[in-house]
Amino acid sequence: QAVLEVNPSHPIVQDLEAAIKENGDGEDNESARNSAVLLYDVAALTSGYDIEDSADFAKRILSLMSSKAGSSGVQDAEVEAASEEPAVEETEVEAKAVVPEVVSDDEA
């Protein structure tokens, strides 16, 4: 059976503890809960285990990245509609077949 060892002096663990003390450990402290689950999932992945919900893991990572970037949350990217006109101008090219000539050593 695997054991998760937590270093209480690690900055991530200290930040998590501060968030819990500041906002409580109830279900309304989503930030602390996400950090704790993310810490567990990362520990599992680095130890070679599978995580239960990869989509949820990705959502947590994106949420963390958004919070560090100053964004208010994870949002879908806007995709520009493809234009009807081709991106590259097409031109016709005339091709001619070339038959190679054999040159003997006597002629060279």
N, C-alpha and C. Protein backbone atom coordinates (compact mmCIF):
# COMPACT_ATOMS: atom_id res chain seq x y z
N GLN A 1 0.85 -1.18 0.00
CA GLN A 1 0.00 0.00 0.00
C GLN A 1 0.90 1.24 0.00
N ALA A 2 0.55 2.20 -0.85
CA ALA A 2 1.31 3.43 -0.98
C ALA A 2 1.01 4.37 0.18
N VAL A 3 2.01 5.18 0.52
CA VAL A 3 1.87 6.15 1.61
C VAL A 3 2.23 7.52 1.06
N LEU A 4 1.39 8.51 1.33
CA LEU A 4 1.66 9.88 0.93
C LEU A 4 2.31 10.59 2.11
N GLU A 5 3.56 10.97 1.91
CA GLU A 5 4.26 11.71 2.96
C GLU A 5 4.24 13.19 2.58
N VAL A 6 3.86 14.03 3.53
CA VAL A 6 3.75 15.46 3.30
C VAL A 6 4.80 16.17 4.14
N ASN A 7 5.56 17.04 3.50
CA ASN A 7 6.56 17.84 4.19
C ASN A 7 5.89 19.12 4.68
N PRO A 8 5.65 19.24 5.99
CA PRO A 8 4.93 20.42 6.49
C PRO A 8 5.68 21.73 6.31
N SER A 9 6.97 21.70 6.04
CA SER A 9 7.72 22.94 5.86
C SER A 9 7.83 23.34 4.39
N HIS A 10 7.23 22.55 3.49
CA HIS A 10 7.26 22.90 2.07
C HIS A 10 6.34 24.10 1.83
N PRO A 11 6.79 25.05 1.00
CA PRO A 11 5.97 26.26 0.76
C PRO A 11 4.56 25.97 0.26
N ILE A 12 4.38 24.96 -0.55
CA ILE A 12 3.04 24.63 -1.06
C ILE A 12 2.14 24.18 0.08
N VAL A 13 2.67 23.35 0.96
CA VAL A 13 1.90 22.86 2.10
C VAL A 13 1.61 24.01 3.06
N GLN A 14 2.58 24.89 3.25
CA GLN A 14 2.35 26.04 4.12
C GLN A 14 1.29 26.98 3.54
N ASP A 15 1.31 27.19 2.23
CA ASP A 15 0.27 28.01 1.58
C ASP A 15 -1.10 27.37 1.73
N LEU A 16 -1.16 26.06 1.60
CA LEU A 16 -2.42 25.34 1.75
C LEU A 16 -2.93 25.47 3.18
N GLU A 17 -2.05 25.33 4.15
CA GLU A 17 -2.45 25.48 5.55
C GLU A 17 -2.95 26.90 5.84
N ALA A 18 -2.26 27.90 5.28
CA ALA A 18 -2.68 29.30 5.47
C ALA A 18 -4.06 29.54 4.86
N ALA A 19 -4.32 28.95 3.69
CA ALA A 19 -5.63 29.12 3.03
C ALA A 19 -6.73 28.48 3.87
N ILE A 20 -6.43 27.36 4.48
CA ILE A 20 -7.44 26.68 5.32
C ILE A 20 -7.70 27.50 6.58
N LYS A 21 -6.63 28.03 7.18
CA LYS A 21 -6.81 28.85 8.39
C LYS A 21 -7.57 30.13 8.09
N GLU A 22 -7.29 30.70 6.92
CA GLU A 22 -7.93 31.97 6.54
C GLU A 22 -9.40 31.80 6.19
N ASN A 23 -9.71 30.75 5.44
CA ASN A 23 -11.07 30.58 4.91
C ASN A 23 -11.83 29.40 5.49
N GLY A 24 -11.23 28.68 6.41
CA GLY A 24 -11.88 27.51 6.98
C GLY A 24 -11.68 26.29 6.11
N ASP A 25 -12.02 25.14 6.65
CA ASP A 25 -11.82 23.90 5.89
C ASP A 25 -13.13 23.31 5.38
N GLY A 26 -14.16 24.13 5.31
CA GLY A 26 -15.45 23.67 4.82
C GLY A 26 -15.46 23.55 3.30
N GLU A 27 -16.57 23.08 2.77
CA GLU A 27 -16.68 22.89 1.33
C GLU A 27 -16.71 24.19 0.56
N ASP A 28 -16.93 25.31 1.25
CA ASP A 28 -16.96 26.60 0.58
C ASP A 28 -15.55 27.11 0.28
N ASN A 29 -14.53 26.47 0.82
CA ASN A 29 -13.14 26.85 0.55
C ASN A 29 -12.64 26.04 -0.64
N GLU A 30 -13.16 26.38 -1.81
CA GLU A 30 -12.87 25.62 -3.02
C GLU A 30 -11.40 25.70 -3.41
N SER A 31 -10.78 26.84 -3.18
CA SER A 31 -9.37 27.01 -3.54
C SER A 31 -8.48 26.04 -2.77
N ALA A 32 -8.70 25.95 -1.46
CA ALA A 32 -7.90 25.02 -0.64
C ALA A 32 -8.20 23.57 -1.01
N ARG A 33 -9.45 23.29 -1.27
CA ARG A 33 -9.82 21.91 -1.65
C ARG A 33 -9.15 21.53 -2.97
N ASN A 34 -9.21 22.44 -3.95
CA ASN A 34 -8.57 22.17 -5.25
C ASN A 34 -7.07 21.97 -5.10
N SER A 35 -6.45 22.78 -4.26
CA SER A 35 -5.00 22.66 -4.05
C SER A 35 -4.65 21.32 -3.41
N ALA A 36 -5.45 20.90 -2.42
CA ALA A 36 -5.19 19.63 -1.74
C ALA A 36 -5.36 18.45 -2.70
N VAL A 37 -6.42 18.45 -3.48
CA VAL A 37 -6.65 17.36 -4.43
C VAL A 37 -5.58 17.37 -5.51
N LEU A 38 -5.19 18.56 -5.96
CA LEU A 38 -4.13 18.67 -6.96
C LEU A 38 -2.81 18.13 -6.41
N LEU A 39 -2.50 18.45 -5.18
CA LEU A 39 -1.29 17.94 -4.54
C LEU A 39 -1.30 16.41 -4.49
N TYR A 40 -2.44 15.85 -4.15
CA TYR A 40 -2.59 14.40 -4.11
C TYR A 40 -2.43 13.79 -5.50
N ASP A 41 -3.09 14.38 -6.50
CA ASP A 41 -3.01 13.86 -7.87
C ASP A 41 -1.60 13.94 -8.42
N VAL A 42 -0.90 15.04 -8.17
CA VAL A 42 0.48 15.17 -8.65
C VAL A 42 1.37 14.14 -7.98
N ALA A 43 1.18 13.92 -6.69
CA ALA A 43 1.96 12.90 -5.98
C ALA A 43 1.70 11.51 -6.58
N ALA A 44 0.45 11.24 -6.89
CA ALA A 44 0.10 9.95 -7.50
C ALA A 44 0.76 9.80 -8.87
N LEU A 45 0.66 10.83 -9.70
CA LEU A 45 1.25 10.76 -11.04
C LEU A 45 2.76 10.59 -10.99
N THR A 46 3.43 11.35 -10.12
CA THR A 46 4.89 11.26 -10.06
C THR A 46 5.36 9.93 -9.48
N SER A 47 4.46 9.23 -8.79
CA SER A 47 4.80 7.92 -8.25
C SER A 47 4.40 6.78 -9.18
N GLY A 48 3.86 7.14 -10.34
CA GLY A 48 3.51 6.11 -11.32
C GLY A 48 2.09 5.60 -11.25
N TYR A 49 1.25 6.20 -10.43
CA TYR A 49 -0.14 5.77 -10.31
C TYR A 49 -1.02 6.55 -11.28
N ASP A 50 -2.18 5.98 -11.58
CA ASP A 50 -3.16 6.68 -12.40
C ASP A 50 -4.03 7.55 -11.51
N ILE A 51 -4.49 8.66 -12.06
CA ILE A 51 -5.43 9.48 -11.31
C ILE A 51 -6.84 9.10 -11.73
N GLU A 52 -7.77 9.31 -10.82
CA GLU A 52 -9.14 8.87 -11.06
C GLU A 52 -9.84 9.62 -12.17
N ASP A 53 -9.68 10.93 -12.23
CA ASP A 53 -10.43 11.75 -13.18
C ASP A 53 -9.48 12.72 -13.87
N SER A 54 -9.01 12.35 -15.04
CA SER A 54 -8.03 13.19 -15.75
C SER A 54 -8.64 14.52 -16.21
N ALA A 55 -9.93 14.53 -16.53
CA ALA A 55 -10.58 15.77 -16.94
C ALA A 55 -10.64 16.75 -15.77
N ASP A 56 -10.95 16.25 -14.59
CA ASP A 56 -10.98 17.08 -13.40
C ASP A 56 -9.58 17.59 -13.07
N PHE A 57 -8.58 16.75 -13.24
CA PHE A 57 -7.19 17.14 -13.01
C PHE A 57 -6.81 18.29 -13.96
N ALA A 58 -7.15 18.14 -15.23
CA ALA A 58 -6.85 19.19 -16.20
C ALA A 58 -7.57 20.50 -15.84
N LYS A 59 -8.80 20.39 -15.39
CA LYS A 59 -9.56 21.58 -15.00
C LYS A 59 -8.88 22.28 -13.82
N ARG A 60 -8.38 21.50 -12.86
CA ARG A 60 -7.69 22.09 -11.71
C ARG A 60 -6.39 22.79 -12.14
N ILE A 61 -5.66 22.17 -13.05
CA ILE A 61 -4.41 22.76 -13.54
C ILE A 61 -4.73 24.08 -14.26
N LEU A 62 -5.71 24.07 -15.12
CA LEU A 62 -6.08 25.29 -15.83
C LEU A 62 -6.57 26.38 -14.88
N SER A 63 -7.30 25.99 -13.86
CA SER A 63 -7.77 26.95 -12.87
C SER A 63 -6.59 27.56 -12.12
N LEU A 64 -5.62 26.74 -11.77
CA LEU A 64 -4.41 27.23 -11.10
C LEU A 64 -3.64 28.19 -12.00
N MET A 65 -3.50 27.81 -13.25
CA MET A 65 -2.78 28.66 -14.21
C MET A 65 -3.52 29.99 -14.40
N SER A 66 -4.83 29.94 -14.47
CA SER A 66 -5.62 31.16 -14.65
C SER A 66 -5.49 32.08 -13.44
N SER A 67 -5.49 31.49 -12.25
CA SER A 67 -5.38 32.31 -11.04
C SER A 67 -4.01 32.96 -10.96
N LYS A 68 -2.98 32.27 -11.39
CA LYS A 68 -1.63 32.84 -11.38
C LYS A 68 -1.47 33.91 -12.45
N ALA A 69 -2.25 33.79 -13.52
CA ALA A 69 -2.17 34.75 -14.62
C ALA A 69 -3.06 35.97 -14.36
N GLY A 70 -3.83 35.95 -13.28
CA GLY A 70 -4.68 37.08 -12.96
C GLY A 70 -6.05 37.01 -13.60
N SER A 71 -6.38 35.90 -14.20
CA SER A 71 -7.67 35.73 -14.84
C SER A 71 -8.71 35.36 -13.79
N SER A 72 -9.96 35.59 -14.10
CA SER A 72 -11.02 35.30 -13.13
C SER A 72 -11.52 33.86 -13.21
N GLY A 73 -11.04 33.08 -14.13
CA GLY A 73 -11.47 31.70 -14.23
C GLY A 73 -11.10 31.10 -15.56
N VAL A 74 -11.38 29.82 -15.68
CA VAL A 74 -11.09 29.11 -16.91
C VAL A 74 -12.19 29.40 -17.90
N GLN A 75 -11.81 29.83 -19.08
CA GLN A 75 -12.79 30.13 -20.11
C GLN A 75 -12.38 29.44 -21.39
N ASP A 76 -13.37 29.14 -22.21
CA ASP A 76 -13.05 28.56 -23.51
C ASP A 76 -12.43 29.63 -24.40
N ALA A 77 -11.49 29.23 -25.19
CA ALA A 77 -10.85 30.17 -26.11
C ALA A 77 -11.81 30.48 -27.25
N GLU A 78 -11.75 31.71 -27.71
CA GLU A 78 -12.57 32.08 -28.85
C GLU A 78 -11.83 31.65 -30.11
N VAL A 79 -12.57 31.07 -31.02
CA VAL A 79 -11.98 30.60 -32.27
C VAL A 79 -12.53 31.45 -33.40
N GLU A 80 -11.64 31.98 -34.21
CA GLU A 80 -12.07 32.79 -35.33
C GLU A 80 -12.71 31.90 -36.38
N ALA A 81 -13.77 32.39 -36.98
CA ALA A 81 -14.44 31.64 -38.04
C ALA A 81 -13.53 31.61 -39.27
N ALA A 82 -13.48 30.48 -39.90
CA ALA A 82 -12.66 30.34 -41.10
C ALA A 82 -13.28 31.15 -42.23
N SER A 83 -12.45 31.87 -42.95
CA SER A 83 -12.97 32.67 -44.05
C SER A 83 -13.24 31.77 -45.25
N GLU A 84 -14.10 32.26 -46.11
CA GLU A 84 -14.46 31.50 -47.30
C GLU A 84 -13.35 31.51 -48.34
N GLU A 85 -12.48 32.51 -48.29
CA GLU A 85 -11.43 32.63 -49.29
C GLU A 85 -10.22 31.81 -48.88
N PRO A 86 -9.55 31.22 -49.84
CA PRO A 86 -8.37 30.42 -49.49
C PRO A 86 -7.26 31.32 -48.95
N ALA A 87 -6.49 30.78 -48.01
CA ALA A 87 -5.43 31.55 -47.38
C ALA A 87 -4.25 31.75 -48.34
N VAL A 88 -4.04 30.81 -49.25
CA VAL A 88 -2.92 30.89 -50.18
C VAL A 88 -3.48 31.03 -51.59
N GLU A 89 -2.94 31.98 -52.33
CA GLU A 89 -3.41 32.18 -53.70
C GLU A 89 -2.92 31.03 -54.57
N GLU A 90 -3.87 30.45 -55.28
CA GLU A 90 -3.53 29.32 -56.13
C GLU A 90 -3.17 29.82 -57.52
N THR A 91 -2.10 29.29 -58.09
CA THR A 91 -1.70 29.63 -59.46
C THR A 91 -1.46 28.35 -60.22
N GLU A 92 -1.71 28.43 -61.51
CA GLU A 92 -1.47 27.26 -62.34
C GLU A 92 0.00 27.23 -62.76
N VAL A 93 0.56 26.05 -62.73
CA VAL A 93 1.96 25.88 -63.11
C VAL A 93 2.01 24.84 -64.21
N GLU A 94 2.74 25.18 -65.27
CA GLU A 94 2.88 24.24 -66.37
C GLU A 94 4.12 23.38 -66.11
N ALA A 95 3.95 22.09 -66.18
CA ALA A 95 5.07 21.18 -65.95
C ALA A 95 5.43 20.47 -67.24
N LYS A 96 6.71 20.31 -67.47
CA LYS A 96 7.19 19.58 -68.64
C LYS A 96 8.01 18.40 -68.17
N ALA A 97 7.83 17.30 -68.85
CA ALA A 97 8.62 16.11 -68.53
C ALA A 97 9.98 16.23 -69.19
N VAL A 98 11.01 15.88 -68.45
CA VAL A 98 12.37 15.94 -68.99
C VAL A 98 12.91 14.52 -68.99
N VAL A 99 13.42 14.12 -70.16
CA VAL A 99 14.00 12.80 -70.27
C VAL A 99 15.51 12.95 -70.15
N PRO A 100 16.14 12.29 -69.20
CA PRO A 100 17.58 12.43 -69.02
C PRO A 100 18.33 11.77 -70.18
N GLU A 101 19.44 12.38 -70.56
CA GLU A 101 20.28 11.82 -71.60
C GLU A 101 21.41 11.05 -70.95
N VAL A 102 21.78 9.96 -71.60
CA VAL A 102 22.89 9.17 -71.11
C VAL A 102 24.16 9.66 -71.80
N VAL A 103 25.13 10.02 -70.99
CA VAL A 103 26.40 10.51 -71.52
C VAL A 103 27.43 9.44 -71.27
N SER A 104 28.08 9.01 -72.34
CA SER A 104 29.11 7.97 -72.19
C SER A 104 30.43 8.61 -71.80
N ASP A 105 31.34 7.84 -71.28
CA ASP A 105 32.66 8.31 -70.89
C ASP A 105 33.46 8.80 -72.09
N ASP A 106 33.16 8.26 -73.30
CA ASP A 106 33.88 8.65 -74.50
C ASP A 106 33.58 10.09 -74.90
N GLU A 107 32.33 10.54 -74.61
CA GLU A 107 31.93 11.89 -75.02
C GLU A 107 32.40 12.94 -74.01
N ALA A 108 32.69 12.55 -72.82
CA ALA A 108 33.05 13.51 -71.78
C ALA A 108 34.46 13.88 -71.79
